[in-house]
C-alpha atoms as a PDB file:
ATOM      1  CA  MET A   1     -68.875  81.032  14.939  1.00  0.00           C
ATOM      2  CA  ASP A   2     -69.967  81.247  18.595  1.00  0.00           C
ATOM      3  CA  ALA A   3     -67.361  78.616  19.476  1.00  0.00           C
ATOM      4  CA  LEU A   4     -64.609  80.686  17.845  1.00  0.00           C
ATOM      5  CA  ILE A   5     -65.677  83.855  19.662  1.00  0.00           C
ATOM      6  CA  SER A   6     -65.828  81.925  22.929  1.00  0.00           C
ATOM      7  CA  LEU A   7     -62.334  80.525  22.290  1.00  0.00           C
ATOM      8  CA  ILE A   8     -60.891  83.963  21.487  1.00  0.00           C
ATOM      9  CA  LYS A   9     -62.561  85.431  24.568  1.00  0.00           C
ATOM     10  CA  GLY A  10     -61.087  82.627  26.691  1.00  0.00           C
ATOM     11  CA  VAL A  11     -57.595  83.259  25.326  1.00  0.00           C
ATOM     12  CA  VAL A  12     -57.890  87.016  25.908  1.00  0.00           C
ATOM     13  CA  ILE A  13     -59.025  86.450  29.498  1.00  0.00           C
ATOM     14  CA  TRP A  14     -56.172  83.995  30.059  1.00  0.00           C
ATOM     15  CA  VAL A  15     -53.626  86.520  28.723  1.00  0.00           C
ATOM     16  CA  LEU A  16     -55.097  89.251  30.943  1.00  0.00           C
ATOM     17  CA  GLU A  17     -54.940  86.928  33.962  1.00  0.00           C
ATOM     18  CA  VAL A  18     -51.286  86.164  33.264  1.00  0.00           C
ATOM     19  CA  VAL A  19     -50.391  89.834  32.771  1.00  0.00           C
ATOM     20  CA  VAL A  20     -52.255  90.975  35.905  1.00  0.00           C
ATOM     21  CA  GLY A  21     -50.962  88.035  37.969  1.00  0.00           C
ATOM     22  CA  VAL A  22     -47.336  88.517  36.949  1.00  0.00           C
ATOM     23  CA  GLY A  23     -47.563  92.298  37.314  1.00  0.00           C
ATOM     24  CA  VAL A  24     -49.158  92.246  40.750  1.00  0.00           C
ATOM     25  CA  GLY A  25     -47.114  89.276  41.986  1.00  0.00           C
ATOM     26  CA  GLY A  26     -43.847  90.665  40.654  1.00  0.00           C
ATOM     27  CA  SER A  27     -44.514  94.063  42.194  1.00  0.00           C
ATOM     28  CA  ALA A  28     -45.353  92.482  45.535  1.00  0.00           C
ATOM     29  CA  LEU A  29     -42.156  90.415  45.512  1.00  0.00           C
ATOM     30  CA  TYR A  30     -40.047  93.423  44.546  1.00  0.00           C
ATOM     31  CA  LEU A  31     -41.528  95.436  47.412  1.00  0.00           C
ATOM     32  CA  ALA A  32     -41.048  92.626  49.935  1.00  0.00           C
ATOM     33  CA  ILE A  33     -37.431  92.020  48.946  1.00  0.00           C
ATOM     34  CA  SER A  34     -36.681  95.761  48.945  1.00  0.00           C
ATOM     35  CA  LEU A  35     -38.130  96.174  52.432  1.00  0.00           C
ATOM     36  CA  PHE A  36     -36.223  93.169  53.758  1.00  0.00           C
ATOM     37  CA  ASP A  37     -33.036  94.509  52.168  1.00  0.00           C
ATOM     38  CA  LYS A  38     -33.494  97.749  54.118  1.00  0.00           C
ATOM     39  CA  THR A  39     -33.987  95.910  57.433  1.00  0.00           C
ATOM     40  CA  THR A  40     -30.741  93.939  57.205  1.00  0.00           C
ATOM     41  CA  LYS A  41     -28.176  96.657  57.760  1.00  0.00           C
ATOM     42  CA  ASN A  42     -25.165  94.327  57.884  1.00  0.00           C
ATOM     43  CA  VAL A  43     -25.868  92.448  54.657  1.00  0.00           C
ATOM     44  CA  GLU A  44     -25.995  93.973  51.197  1.00  0.00           C
ATOM     45  CA  GLU A  45     -27.897  91.085  49.628  1.00  0.00           C
ATOM     46  CA  TRP A  46     -27.445  91.881  45.955  1.00  0.00           C
ATOM     47  CA  LYS A  47     -23.712  92.583  46.287  1.00  0.00           C
ATOM     48  CA  GLU A  48     -23.301  89.290  48.153  1.00  0.00           C
ATOM     49  CA  ILE A  49     -25.314  87.372  45.567  1.00  0.00           C
ATOM     50  CA  LYS A  50     -23.226  88.973  42.813  1.00  0.00           C
ATOM     51  CA  LYS A  51     -20.117  87.629  44.608  1.00  0.00           C
ATOM     52  CA  GLY A  52     -21.662  84.149  44.648  1.00  0.00           C
ATOM     53  CA  ASN A  53     -22.653  84.031  48.321  1.00  0.00           C
ATOM     54  CA  VAL A  54     -24.902  80.960  48.380  1.00  0.00           C
ATOM     55  CA  ALA A  55     -26.017  81.625  51.958  1.00  0.00           C
ATOM     56  CA  VAL A  56     -27.516  84.980  50.986  1.00  0.00           C
ATOM     57  CA  ALA A  57     -29.179  83.378  47.955  1.00  0.00           C
ATOM     58  CA  ILE A  58     -30.741  80.744  50.234  1.00  0.00           C
ATOM     59  CA  LEU A  59     -31.996  83.462  52.575  1.00  0.00           C
ATOM     60  CA  MET A  60     -33.512  85.363  49.644  1.00  0.00           C
ATOM     61  CA  MET A  61     -35.087  82.122  48.428  1.00  0.00           C
ATOM     62  CA  GLY A  62     -36.694  81.687  51.847  1.00  0.00           C
ATOM     63  CA  ILE A  63     -38.057  85.226  51.692  1.00  0.00           C
ATOM     64  CA  ILE A  64     -39.428  84.776  48.181  1.00  0.00           C
ATOM     65  CA  PHE A  65     -41.059  81.414  48.956  1.00  0.00           C
ATOM     66  CA  SER A  66     -42.574  82.800  52.154  1.00  0.00           C
ATOM     67  CA  VAL A  67     -44.022  85.875  50.482  1.00  0.00           C
ATOM     68  CA  VAL A  68     -45.347  83.865  47.529  1.00  0.00           C
ATOM     69  CA  LEU A  69     -46.972  81.356  49.886  1.00  0.00           C
ATOM     70  CA  ILE A  70     -48.884  84.125  51.649  1.00  0.00           C
ATOM     71  CA  ILE A  71     -49.852  86.359  48.703  1.00  0.00           C
ATOM     72  CA  THR A  72     -50.746  83.664  46.159  1.00  0.00           C
ATOM     73  CA  PRO A  73     -54.289  83.093  47.510  1.00  0.00           C
ATOM     74  CA  ALA A  74     -54.974  86.846  47.337  1.00  0.00           C
ATOM     75  CA  ILE A  75     -53.737  87.032  43.741  1.00  0.00           C
ATOM     76  CA  LYS A  76     -55.797  83.984  42.776  1.00  0.00           C
ATOM     77  CA  HIS A  77     -58.840  85.588  44.388  1.00  0.00           C
ATOM     78  CA  LEU A  78     -58.202  88.781  42.429  1.00  0.00           C
ATOM     79  CA  LEU A  79     -57.995  86.892  39.155  1.00  0.00           C
ATOM     80  CA  SER A  80     -61.004  84.675  39.817  1.00  0.00           C
ATOM     81  CA  GLY A  81     -63.185  87.648  40.710  1.00  0.00           C
ATOM     82  CA  LEU A  82     -61.847  90.005  38.094  1.00  0.00           C
ATOM     83  CA  PHE A  83     -62.775  88.160  34.937  1.00  0.00           C
ATOM     84  CA  ARG A  84     -66.194  86.793  35.856  1.00  0.00           C
ATOM     85  CA  GLU A  85     -68.725  87.118  33.049  1.00  0.00           C
ATOM     86  CA  GLU A  86     -71.254  89.077  35.100  1.00  0.00           C
ATOM     87  CA  ILE A  87     -68.887  91.958  35.978  1.00  0.00           C
ATOM     88  CA  MET A  88     -67.037  92.184  32.683  1.00  0.00           C
ATOM     89  CA  SER A  89     -69.906  94.224  31.245  1.00  0.00           C
ATOM     90  CA  SER A  90     -69.830  96.912  33.947  1.00  0.00           C
ATOM     91  CA  PRO A  91     -66.628  98.998  34.137  1.00  0.00           C
ATOM     92  CA  ALA A  92     -67.637 100.458  37.514  1.00  0.00           C
ATOM     93  CA  GLU A  93     -68.179  97.034  39.053  1.00  0.00           C
ATOM     94  CA  LEU A  94     -64.971  95.752  37.468  1.00  0.00           C
ATOM     95  CA  ALA A  95     -63.021  98.682  38.962  1.00  0.00           C
ATOM     96  CA  THR A  96     -64.622  98.133  42.382  1.00  0.00           C
ATOM     97  CA  VAL A  97     -63.772  94.423  42.386  1.00  0.00           C
ATOM     98  CA  PHE A  98     -60.228  95.208  41.267  1.00  0.00           C
ATOM     99  CA  VAL A  99     -59.662  97.830  44.004  1.00  0.00           C
ATOM    100  CA  ILE A 100     -61.125  95.622  46.743  1.00  0.00           C
ATOM    101  CA  ASN A 101     -58.994  92.674  45.666  1.00  0.00           C
ATOM    102  CA  LEU A 102     -55.926  94.904  45.338  1.00  0.00           C
ATOM    103  CA  ILE A 103     -56.458  96.024  48.941  1.00  0.00           C
ATOM    104  CA  ASN A 104     -56.641  92.339  49.864  1.00  0.00           C
ATOM    105  CA  ILE A 105     -53.276  91.783  48.171  1.00  0.00           C
ATOM    106  CA  VAL A 106     -51.728  94.776  49.976  1.00  0.00           C
ATOM    107  CA  ILE A 107     -52.953  93.387  53.306  1.00  0.00           C
ATOM    108  CA  SER A 108     -51.599  89.943  52.407  1.00  0.00           C
ATOM    109  CA  LEU A 109     -48.276  91.489  51.436  1.00  0.00           C
ATOM    110  CA  GLY A 110     -48.140  93.335  54.755  1.00  0.00           C
ATOM    111  CA  ILE A 111     -48.776  90.066  56.572  1.00  0.00           C
ATOM    112  CA  ALA A 112     -46.096  88.346  54.472  1.00  0.00           C
ATOM    113  CA  ILE A 113     -43.510  91.016  55.237  1.00  0.00           C
ATOM    114  CA  LEU A 114     -44.417  90.911  58.921  1.00  0.00           C
ATOM    115  CA  ALA A 115     -44.166  87.098  58.938  1.00  0.00           C
ATOM    116  CA  VAL A 116     -40.735  87.189  57.302  1.00  0.00           C
ATOM    117  CA  ALA A 117     -39.463  89.879  59.674  1.00  0.00           C
ATOM    118  CA  LEU A 118     -40.846  88.115  62.752  1.00  0.00           C
ATOM    119  CA  SER A 119     -39.433  84.762  61.716  1.00  0.00           C
ATOM    120  CA  PHE A 120     -36.018  86.345  61.138  1.00  0.00           C
ATOM    121  CA  ARG A 121     -36.225  87.836  64.653  1.00  0.00           C
ATOM    122  CA  LEU A 122     -37.420  84.481  66.022  1.00  0.00           C
ATOM    123  CA  VAL A 123     -34.285  82.786  64.725  1.00  0.00           C
ATOM    124  CA  ASN A 124     -32.214  85.568  66.347  1.00  0.00           C
ATOM    125  CA  ILE A 125     -33.983  84.993  69.680  1.00  0.00           C
ATOM    126  CA  ILE A 126     -33.614  81.210  69.570  1.00  0.00           C
ATOM    127  CA  THR A 127     -29.924  81.308  68.638  1.00  0.00           C
ATOM    128  CA  THR A 128     -28.519  83.745  71.171  1.00  0.00           C
ATOM    129  CA  ASP A 129     -24.892  82.867  70.417  1.00  0.00           C
ATOM    130  CA  ILE A 130     -25.165  83.276  66.619  1.00  0.00           C
ATOM    131  CA  ASP A 131     -25.377  86.566  64.752  1.00  0.00           C
ATOM    132  CA  GLU A 132     -27.343  85.424  61.699  1.00  0.00           C
ATOM    133  CA  GLU A 133     -26.596  88.487  59.586  1.00  0.00           C
ATOM    134  CA  VAL A 134     -22.846  88.146  60.126  1.00  0.00           C
ATOM    135  CA  GLU A 135     -22.881  84.393  59.512  1.00  0.00           C
ATOM    136  CA  ILE A 136     -24.955  84.700  56.356  1.00  0.00           C
ATOM    137  CA  ARG A 137     -22.726  87.508  55.067  1.00  0.00           C
ATOM    138  CA  LYS A 138     -19.741  85.192  55.696  1.00  0.00           C
ATOM    139  CA  GLY A 139     -21.466  82.526  53.582  1.00  0.00           C
ATOM    140  CA  ASN A 140     -22.630  80.175  56.354  1.00  0.00           C
ATOM    141  CA  VAL A 141     -25.076  78.001  54.417  1.00  0.00           C
ATOM    142  CA  ALA A 142     -26.249  76.129  57.529  1.00  0.00           C
ATOM    143  CA  VAL A 143     -27.470  79.338  59.184  1.00  0.00           C
ATOM    144  CA  ALA A 144     -29.113  80.472  55.942  1.00  0.00           C
ATOM    145  CA  LEU A 145     -30.934  77.150  55.552  1.00  0.00           C
ATOM    146  CA  ILE A 146     -32.290  77.212  59.114  1.00  0.00           C
ATOM    147  CA  THR A 147     -33.360  80.851  58.759  1.00  0.00           C
ATOM    148  CA  ALA A 148     -35.027  80.222  55.396  1.00  0.00           C
ATOM    149  CA  ILE A 149     -36.942  77.163  56.619  1.00  0.00           C
ATOM    150  CA  VAL A 150     -38.144  79.027  59.725  1.00  0.00           C
ATOM    151  CA  MET A 151     -39.399  81.830  57.447  1.00  0.00           C
ATOM    152  CA  TYR A 152     -41.153  79.333  55.208  1.00  0.00           C
ATOM    153  CA  SER A 153     -42.631  77.455  58.160  1.00  0.00           C
ATOM    154  CA  VAL A 154     -44.029  80.614  59.745  1.00  0.00           C
ATOM    155  CA  ALA A 155     -45.486  81.670  56.382  1.00  0.00           C
ATOM    156  CA  SER A 156     -47.189  78.310  55.910  1.00  0.00           C
ATOM    157  CA  PHE A 157     -49.380  78.701  59.002  1.00  0.00           C
END
């Protein structure tokens, strides 16, 4: 009987981890993409993607990978601390751990957004004779690939 209860408890914790992880991670990605969308005045990303602009899709992929790379450790830390046996019995301690780890995720998200924005600017500085936003809007896959890999590289440090 104890084994069954332990198994059920494990499954419930796993489901909660998935729900919290997907909810927090999805919200963070949505916020990051929305903020980036507002900073690129010359490119309407979702309209371009709807038209099949592969360059814009590659740029968005670079943003998503970069943000995920930076915020994943914070989300894992949230989940590992949230469902520990010793704090599950105390709602106050559980809430405290959750809020502290949520603040950690917000800070990580801020760093991710800053890293993406700075890497986009870095590409603009390095390539003085190329307007990345215009080229990506025109569908220039080469420019999108370079921009995306710079974003990912900066995020990986």
